[in-house]
């Protein structure tokens, strides 16, 4: 077997790895760092590469583990809610406060996610969430992962997962209504 040629792999696969990393993390600098970390890990483990898979598959496997580690770290960070509590939306009896009850969203002819301006508002609202909430929402709704898979990848309990999703949806809805529908 020929010795693996890491410099050749860097040239051949950097663009594909970066595209995948950016798709998963939506951050240019973080995506670049993940690709760099992938090649660093590959260089440290190159002796263990047995060519049972293609170099590209092996590198993507390393990258995916790096991405999961990033998400795991984000979710395990403490959440600073500041004054964002359920009391912002509900009164003492648990009913919606005036002006906080969800509005009816009437989509126009086009789907909202096809509207560039709406997608910018959605991204702004996702970014306003605590980081671990944003990560969980992105995994569930943008990457279409199942709850069990997200819990396993992020190392969280199912009850914590559903609390995060519920609270994040409340905050997202409120932000979108203020930023999109009331403008």
C-alpha atoms as a PDB file:
ATOM      1  CA  UNK A   1       0.000   0.000   0.000  1.00  0.00           C
ATOM      2  CA  UNK A   2       1.219   3.507  -0.845  1.00  0.00           C
ATOM      3  CA  UNK A   3       1.796   5.954   1.990  1.00  0.00           C
ATOM      4  CA  UNK A   4      -1.054   8.484   2.315  1.00  0.00           C
ATOM      5  CA  UNK A   5      -0.234  11.897   0.854  1.00  0.00           C
ATOM      6  CA  UNK A   6      -1.761  14.419   3.263  1.00  0.00           C
ATOM      7  CA  UNK A   7      -0.719  17.553   1.308  1.00  0.00           C
ATOM      8  CA  UNK A   8      -2.509  16.127  -1.727  1.00  0.00           C
ATOM      9  CA  UNK A   9      -5.622  15.492   0.397  1.00  0.00           C
ATOM     10  CA  UNK A  10      -5.524  19.068   1.680  1.00  0.00           C
ATOM     11  CA  UNK A  11      -5.540  20.343  -1.880  1.00  0.00           C
ATOM     12  CA  UNK A  12      -8.213  17.911  -3.052  1.00  0.00           C
ATOM     13  CA  UNK A  13     -10.697  18.048  -0.151  1.00  0.00           C
ATOM     14  CA  UNK A  14     -10.416  21.398   1.642  1.00  0.00           C
ATOM     15  CA  UNK A  15     -13.173  23.025  -0.383  1.00  0.00           C
ATOM     16  CA  UNK A  16     -15.634  20.159   0.154  1.00  0.00           C
ATOM     17  CA  UNK A  17     -14.845  19.937   3.868  1.00  0.00           C
ATOM     18  CA  UNK A  18     -15.253  23.695   4.284  1.00  0.00           C
ATOM     19  CA  UNK A  19     -18.615  23.696   2.460  1.00  0.00           C
ATOM     20  CA  UNK A  20     -19.901  20.919   4.705  1.00  0.00           C
ATOM     21  CA  UNK A  21     -18.593  22.558   7.887  1.00  0.00           C
ATOM     22  CA  UNK A  22     -20.102  25.936   6.951  1.00  0.00           C
ATOM     23  CA  UNK A  23     -23.420  24.258   6.161  1.00  0.00           C
ATOM     24  CA  UNK A  24     -23.422  22.701   9.636  1.00  0.00           C
ATOM     25  CA  UNK A  25     -22.219  25.666  11.747  1.00  0.00           C
ATOM     26  CA  UNK A  26     -23.162  28.771   9.683  1.00  0.00           C
ATOM     27  CA  UNK A  27     -19.991  30.558  10.734  1.00  0.00           C
ATOM     28  CA  UNK A  28     -17.099  31.231   8.345  1.00  0.00           C
ATOM     29  CA  UNK A  29     -14.303  31.348  10.915  1.00  0.00           C
ATOM     30  CA  UNK A  30     -15.562  28.331  12.851  1.00  0.00           C
ATOM     31  CA  UNK A  31     -15.891  26.339   9.606  1.00  0.00           C
ATOM     32  CA  UNK A  32     -12.301  27.209   8.664  1.00  0.00           C
ATOM     33  CA  UNK A  33     -11.102  26.207  12.137  1.00  0.00           C
ATOM     34  CA  UNK A  34     -12.977  22.901  11.925  1.00  0.00           C
ATOM     35  CA  UNK A  35     -11.355  22.066   8.578  1.00  0.00           C
ATOM     36  CA  UNK A  36      -7.939  22.967   9.956  1.00  0.00           C
ATOM     37  CA  UNK A  37      -8.583  20.832  13.047  1.00  0.00           C
ATOM     38  CA  UNK A  38      -9.690  17.982  10.782  1.00  0.00           C
ATOM     39  CA  UNK A  39      -6.406  18.004   8.877  1.00  0.00           C
ATOM     40  CA  UNK A  40      -4.431  18.354  12.100  1.00  0.00           C
ATOM     41  CA  UNK A  41      -6.192  15.297  13.558  1.00  0.00           C
ATOM     42  CA  UNK A  42      -5.669  13.435  10.280  1.00  0.00           C
ATOM     43  CA  UNK A  43      -1.949  14.211  10.347  1.00  0.00           C
ATOM     44  CA  UNK A  44      -1.720  12.890  13.905  1.00  0.00           C
ATOM     45  CA  UNK A  45      -3.614   9.694  13.004  1.00  0.00           C
ATOM     46  CA  UNK A  46      -2.371   9.154   9.451  1.00  0.00           C
ATOM     47  CA  UNK A  47      -0.595   5.950  10.472  1.00  0.00           C
ATOM     48  CA  UNK A  48      -3.955   4.468  11.472  1.00  0.00           C
ATOM     49  CA  UNK A  49      -5.500   5.126   8.038  1.00  0.00           C
ATOM     50  CA  UNK A  50      -5.837   1.692   6.503  1.00  0.00           C
ATOM     51  CA  UNK A  51      -7.498   2.747   3.214  1.00  0.00           C
ATOM     52  CA  UNK A  52     -10.597   0.669   4.056  1.00  0.00           C
ATOM     53  CA  UNK A  53     -12.529   3.795   3.054  1.00  0.00           C
ATOM     54  CA  UNK A  54     -11.605   6.631   0.746  1.00  0.00           C
ATOM     55  CA  UNK A  55      -9.504   9.470   2.151  1.00  0.00           C
ATOM     56  CA  UNK A  56     -12.481  11.768   1.619  1.00  0.00           C
ATOM     57  CA  UNK A  57     -14.778   9.525   3.684  1.00  0.00           C
ATOM     58  CA  UNK A  58     -12.171   9.274   6.438  1.00  0.00           C
ATOM     59  CA  UNK A  59     -11.676  13.057   6.536  1.00  0.00           C
ATOM     60  CA  UNK A  60     -15.429  13.711   6.583  1.00  0.00           C
ATOM     61  CA  UNK A  61     -15.775  11.274   9.467  1.00  0.00           C
ATOM     62  CA  UNK A  62     -13.166  13.234  11.427  1.00  0.00           C
ATOM     63  CA  UNK A  63     -14.877  16.529  10.531  1.00  0.00           C
ATOM     64  CA  UNK A  64     -18.308  15.267  11.615  1.00  0.00           C
ATOM     65  CA  UNK A  65     -16.895  14.255  15.001  1.00  0.00           C
ATOM     66  CA  UNK A  66     -15.364  17.740  15.356  1.00  0.00           C
ATOM     67  CA  UNK A  67     -18.751  19.345  14.532  1.00  0.00           C
ATOM     68  CA  UNK A  68     -20.556  17.163  17.080  1.00  0.00           C
ATOM     69  CA  UNK A  69     -17.955  18.154  19.693  1.00  0.00           C
ATOM     70  CA  UNK A  70     -18.657  21.846  18.977  1.00  0.00           C
ATOM     71  CA  UNK A  71     -22.412  21.335  19.404  1.00  0.00           C
ATOM     72  CA  UNK A  72     -21.875  19.301  22.560  1.00  0.00           C
ATOM     73  CA  UNK A  73     -19.784  22.096  24.095  1.00  0.00           C
ATOM     74  CA  UNK A  74     -22.378  24.722  23.159  1.00  0.00           C
ATOM     75  CA  UNK A  75     -25.264  22.813  24.691  1.00  0.00           C
ATOM     76  CA  UNK A  76     -23.434  22.094  27.921  1.00  0.00           C
ATOM     77  CA  UNK A  77     -22.739  25.785  28.524  1.00  0.00           C
ATOM     78  CA  UNK A  78     -24.947  27.357  31.200  1.00  0.00           C
ATOM     79  CA  UNK A  79     -27.868  29.402  29.909  1.00  0.00           C
ATOM     80  CA  UNK A  80     -28.102  33.003  31.035  1.00  0.00           C
ATOM     81  CA  UNK A  81     -31.759  33.877  30.632  1.00  0.00           C
ATOM     82  CA  UNK A  82     -31.437  37.319  32.137  1.00  0.00           C
ATOM     83  CA  UNK A  83     -35.039  38.443  32.421  1.00  0.00           C
ATOM     84  CA  UNK A  84     -36.329  36.031  29.752  1.00  0.00           C
ATOM     85  CA  UNK A  85     -38.748  33.816  31.641  1.00  0.00           C
ATOM     86  CA  UNK A  86     -42.147  32.333  31.061  1.00  0.00           C
ATOM     87  CA  UNK A  87     -43.551  35.302  32.999  1.00  0.00           C
ATOM     88  CA  UNK A  88     -42.782  37.355  29.891  1.00  0.00           C
ATOM     89  CA  UNK A  89     -45.492  35.359  28.067  1.00  0.00           C
ATOM     90  CA  UNK A  90     -47.846  33.994  30.759  1.00  0.00           C
ATOM     91  CA  UNK A  91     -49.594  35.350  33.836  1.00  0.00           C
ATOM     92  CA  UNK A  92     -49.705  33.603  37.232  1.00  0.00           C
ATOM     93  CA  UNK A  93     -52.579  31.356  36.089  1.00  0.00           C
ATOM     94  CA  UNK A  94     -50.634  30.211  33.034  1.00  0.00           C
ATOM     95  CA  UNK A  95     -52.725  32.057  30.436  1.00  0.00           C
ATOM     96  CA  UNK A  96     -51.250  34.219  27.698  1.00  0.00           C
ATOM     97  CA  UNK A  97     -50.558  37.828  28.622  1.00  0.00           C
ATOM     98  CA  UNK A  98     -52.238  40.512  26.522  1.00  0.00           C
ATOM     99  CA  UNK A  99     -50.212  41.106  23.383  1.00  0.00           C
ATOM    100  CA  UNK A 100     -48.163  37.924  23.832  1.00  0.00           C
ATOM    101  CA  UNK A 101     -50.674  35.384  22.520  1.00  0.00           C
ATOM    102  CA  UNK A 102     -49.460  33.951  19.194  1.00  0.00           C
ATOM    103  CA  UNK A 103     -50.695  35.793  16.123  1.00  0.00           C
ATOM    104  CA  UNK A 104     -52.164  34.041  13.090  1.00  0.00           C
ATOM    105  CA  UNK A 105     -49.418  33.790  10.505  1.00  0.00           C
ATOM    106  CA  UNK A 106     -50.846  33.983   7.007  1.00  0.00           C
ATOM    107  CA  UNK A 107     -48.328  33.005   4.418  1.00  0.00           C
ATOM    108  CA  UNK A 108     -48.490  34.825   1.151  1.00  0.00           C
ATOM    109  CA  UNK A 109     -48.227  33.071  -2.192  1.00  0.00           C
ATOM    110  CA  UNK A 110     -44.583  32.284  -1.598  1.00  0.00           C
ATOM    111  CA  UNK A 111     -43.274  30.172   1.238  1.00  0.00           C
ATOM    112  CA  UNK A 112     -41.635  32.333   3.928  1.00  0.00           C
ATOM    113  CA  UNK A 113     -38.379  30.384   3.757  1.00  0.00           C
ATOM    114  CA  UNK A 114     -38.117  31.379   0.084  1.00  0.00           C
ATOM    115  CA  UNK A 115     -38.094  35.052   1.100  1.00  0.00           C
ATOM    116  CA  UNK A 116     -34.516  36.293   1.602  1.00  0.00           C
ATOM    117  CA  UNK A 117     -35.626  39.072   3.955  1.00  0.00           C
ATOM    118  CA  UNK A 118     -37.565  36.629   6.143  1.00  0.00           C
ATOM    119  CA  UNK A 119     -34.603  34.233   6.273  1.00  0.00           C
ATOM    120  CA  UNK A 120     -32.428  37.144   7.482  1.00  0.00           C
ATOM    121  CA  UNK A 121     -34.966  37.890  10.258  1.00  0.00           C
ATOM    122  CA  UNK A 122     -35.114  34.179  11.181  1.00  0.00           C
ATOM    123  CA  UNK A 123     -31.306  34.016  11.375  1.00  0.00           C
ATOM    124  CA  UNK A 124     -31.240  37.147  13.553  1.00  0.00           C
ATOM    125  CA  UNK A 125     -33.843  35.604  15.863  1.00  0.00           C
ATOM    126  CA  UNK A 126     -31.958  32.282  16.017  1.00  0.00           C
ATOM    127  CA  UNK A 127     -28.765  34.164  16.859  1.00  0.00           C
ATOM    128  CA  UNK A 128     -30.593  36.012  19.671  1.00  0.00           C
ATOM    129  CA  UNK A 129     -31.384  32.712  21.422  1.00  0.00           C
ATOM    130  CA  UNK A 130     -28.984  31.317  24.009  1.00  0.00           C
ATOM    131  CA  UNK A 131     -26.369  29.420  22.024  1.00  0.00           C
ATOM    132  CA  UNK A 132     -27.365  25.944  23.204  1.00  0.00           C
ATOM    133  CA  UNK A 133     -31.027  26.645  22.387  1.00  0.00           C
ATOM    134  CA  UNK A 134     -30.086  27.855  18.897  1.00  0.00           C
ATOM    135  CA  UNK A 135     -27.957  24.764  18.337  1.00  0.00           C
ATOM    136  CA  UNK A 136     -30.765  22.440  19.435  1.00  0.00           C
ATOM    137  CA  UNK A 137     -33.339  24.189  17.215  1.00  0.00           C
ATOM    138  CA  UNK A 138     -31.009  24.099  14.202  1.00  0.00           C
ATOM    139  CA  UNK A 139     -30.336  20.381  14.676  1.00  0.00           C
ATOM    140  CA  UNK A 140     -34.059  19.582  14.987  1.00  0.00           C
ATOM    141  CA  UNK A 141     -35.657  21.858  12.430  1.00  0.00           C
ATOM    142  CA  UNK A 142     -32.933  22.768   9.955  1.00  0.00           C
ATOM    143  CA  UNK A 143     -30.979  19.498   9.928  1.00  0.00           C
ATOM    144  CA  UNK A 144     -34.100  17.346  10.513  1.00  0.00           C
ATOM    145  CA  UNK A 145     -32.490  15.235  13.221  1.00  0.00           C
ATOM    146  CA  UNK A 146     -34.666  13.183  15.532  1.00  0.00           C
ATOM    147  CA  UNK A 147     -34.895  14.061  19.224  1.00  0.00           C
ATOM    148  CA  UNK A 148     -33.181  10.841  20.314  1.00  0.00           C
ATOM    149  CA  UNK A 149     -30.264  11.508  17.985  1.00  0.00           C
ATOM    150  CA  UNK A 150     -29.911  15.117  19.191  1.00  0.00           C
ATOM    151  CA  UNK A 151     -30.007  14.024  22.845  1.00  0.00           C
ATOM    152  CA  UNK A 152     -27.296  11.454  22.177  1.00  0.00           C
ATOM    153  CA  UNK A 153     -25.083  13.836  20.173  1.00  0.00           C
ATOM    154  CA  UNK A 154     -25.411  16.678  22.665  1.00  0.00           C
ATOM    155  CA  UNK A 155     -25.438  14.560  25.812  1.00  0.00           C
ATOM    156  CA  UNK A 156     -28.738  15.925  27.129  1.00  0.00           C
ATOM    157  CA  UNK A 157     -31.762  14.206  28.654  1.00  0.00           C
ATOM    158  CA  UNK A 158     -34.995  14.010  26.630  1.00  0.00           C
ATOM    159  CA  UNK A 159     -36.847  16.172  29.173  1.00  0.00           C
ATOM    160  CA  UNK A 160     -34.150  18.839  28.889  1.00  0.00           C
ATOM    161  CA  UNK A 161     -34.335  18.599  25.085  1.00  0.00           C
ATOM    162  CA  UNK A 162     -38.094  19.223  25.056  1.00  0.00           C
ATOM    163  CA  UNK A 163     -37.791  22.104  27.534  1.00  0.00           C
ATOM    164  CA  UNK A 164     -35.153  23.713  25.330  1.00  0.00           C
ATOM    165  CA  UNK A 165     -37.300  23.264  22.216  1.00  0.00           C
ATOM    166  CA  UNK A 166     -40.417  24.659  23.930  1.00  0.00           C
ATOM    167  CA  UNK A 167     -38.665  27.714  25.352  1.00  0.00           C
ATOM    168  CA  UNK A 168     -36.753  28.370  22.137  1.00  0.00           C
ATOM    169  CA  UNK A 169     -39.961  28.211  20.091  1.00  0.00           C
ATOM    170  CA  UNK A 170     -41.618  30.754  22.404  1.00  0.00           C
ATOM    171  CA  UNK A 171     -38.677  33.125  22.031  1.00  0.00           C
ATOM    172  CA  UNK A 172     -38.415  32.576  18.260  1.00  0.00           C
ATOM    173  CA  UNK A 173     -42.116  33.171  17.719  1.00  0.00           C
ATOM    174  CA  UNK A 174     -42.010  36.380  19.744  1.00  0.00           C
ATOM    175  CA  UNK A 175     -38.909  37.652  17.949  1.00  0.00           C
ATOM    176  CA  UNK A 176     -40.279  36.829  14.484  1.00  0.00           C
ATOM    177  CA  UNK A 177     -43.620  38.473  15.244  1.00  0.00           C
ATOM    178  CA  UNK A 178     -41.897  41.652  16.469  1.00  0.00           C
ATOM    179  CA  UNK A 179     -39.295  41.715  13.682  1.00  0.00           C
ATOM    180  CA  UNK A 180     -41.314  40.487  10.715  1.00  0.00           C
ATOM    181  CA  UNK A 181     -45.058  40.625  11.130  1.00  0.00           C
ATOM    182  CA  UNK A 182     -45.286  43.920  13.020  1.00  0.00           C
ATOM    183  CA  UNK A 183     -43.004  45.845  10.647  1.00  0.00           C
END
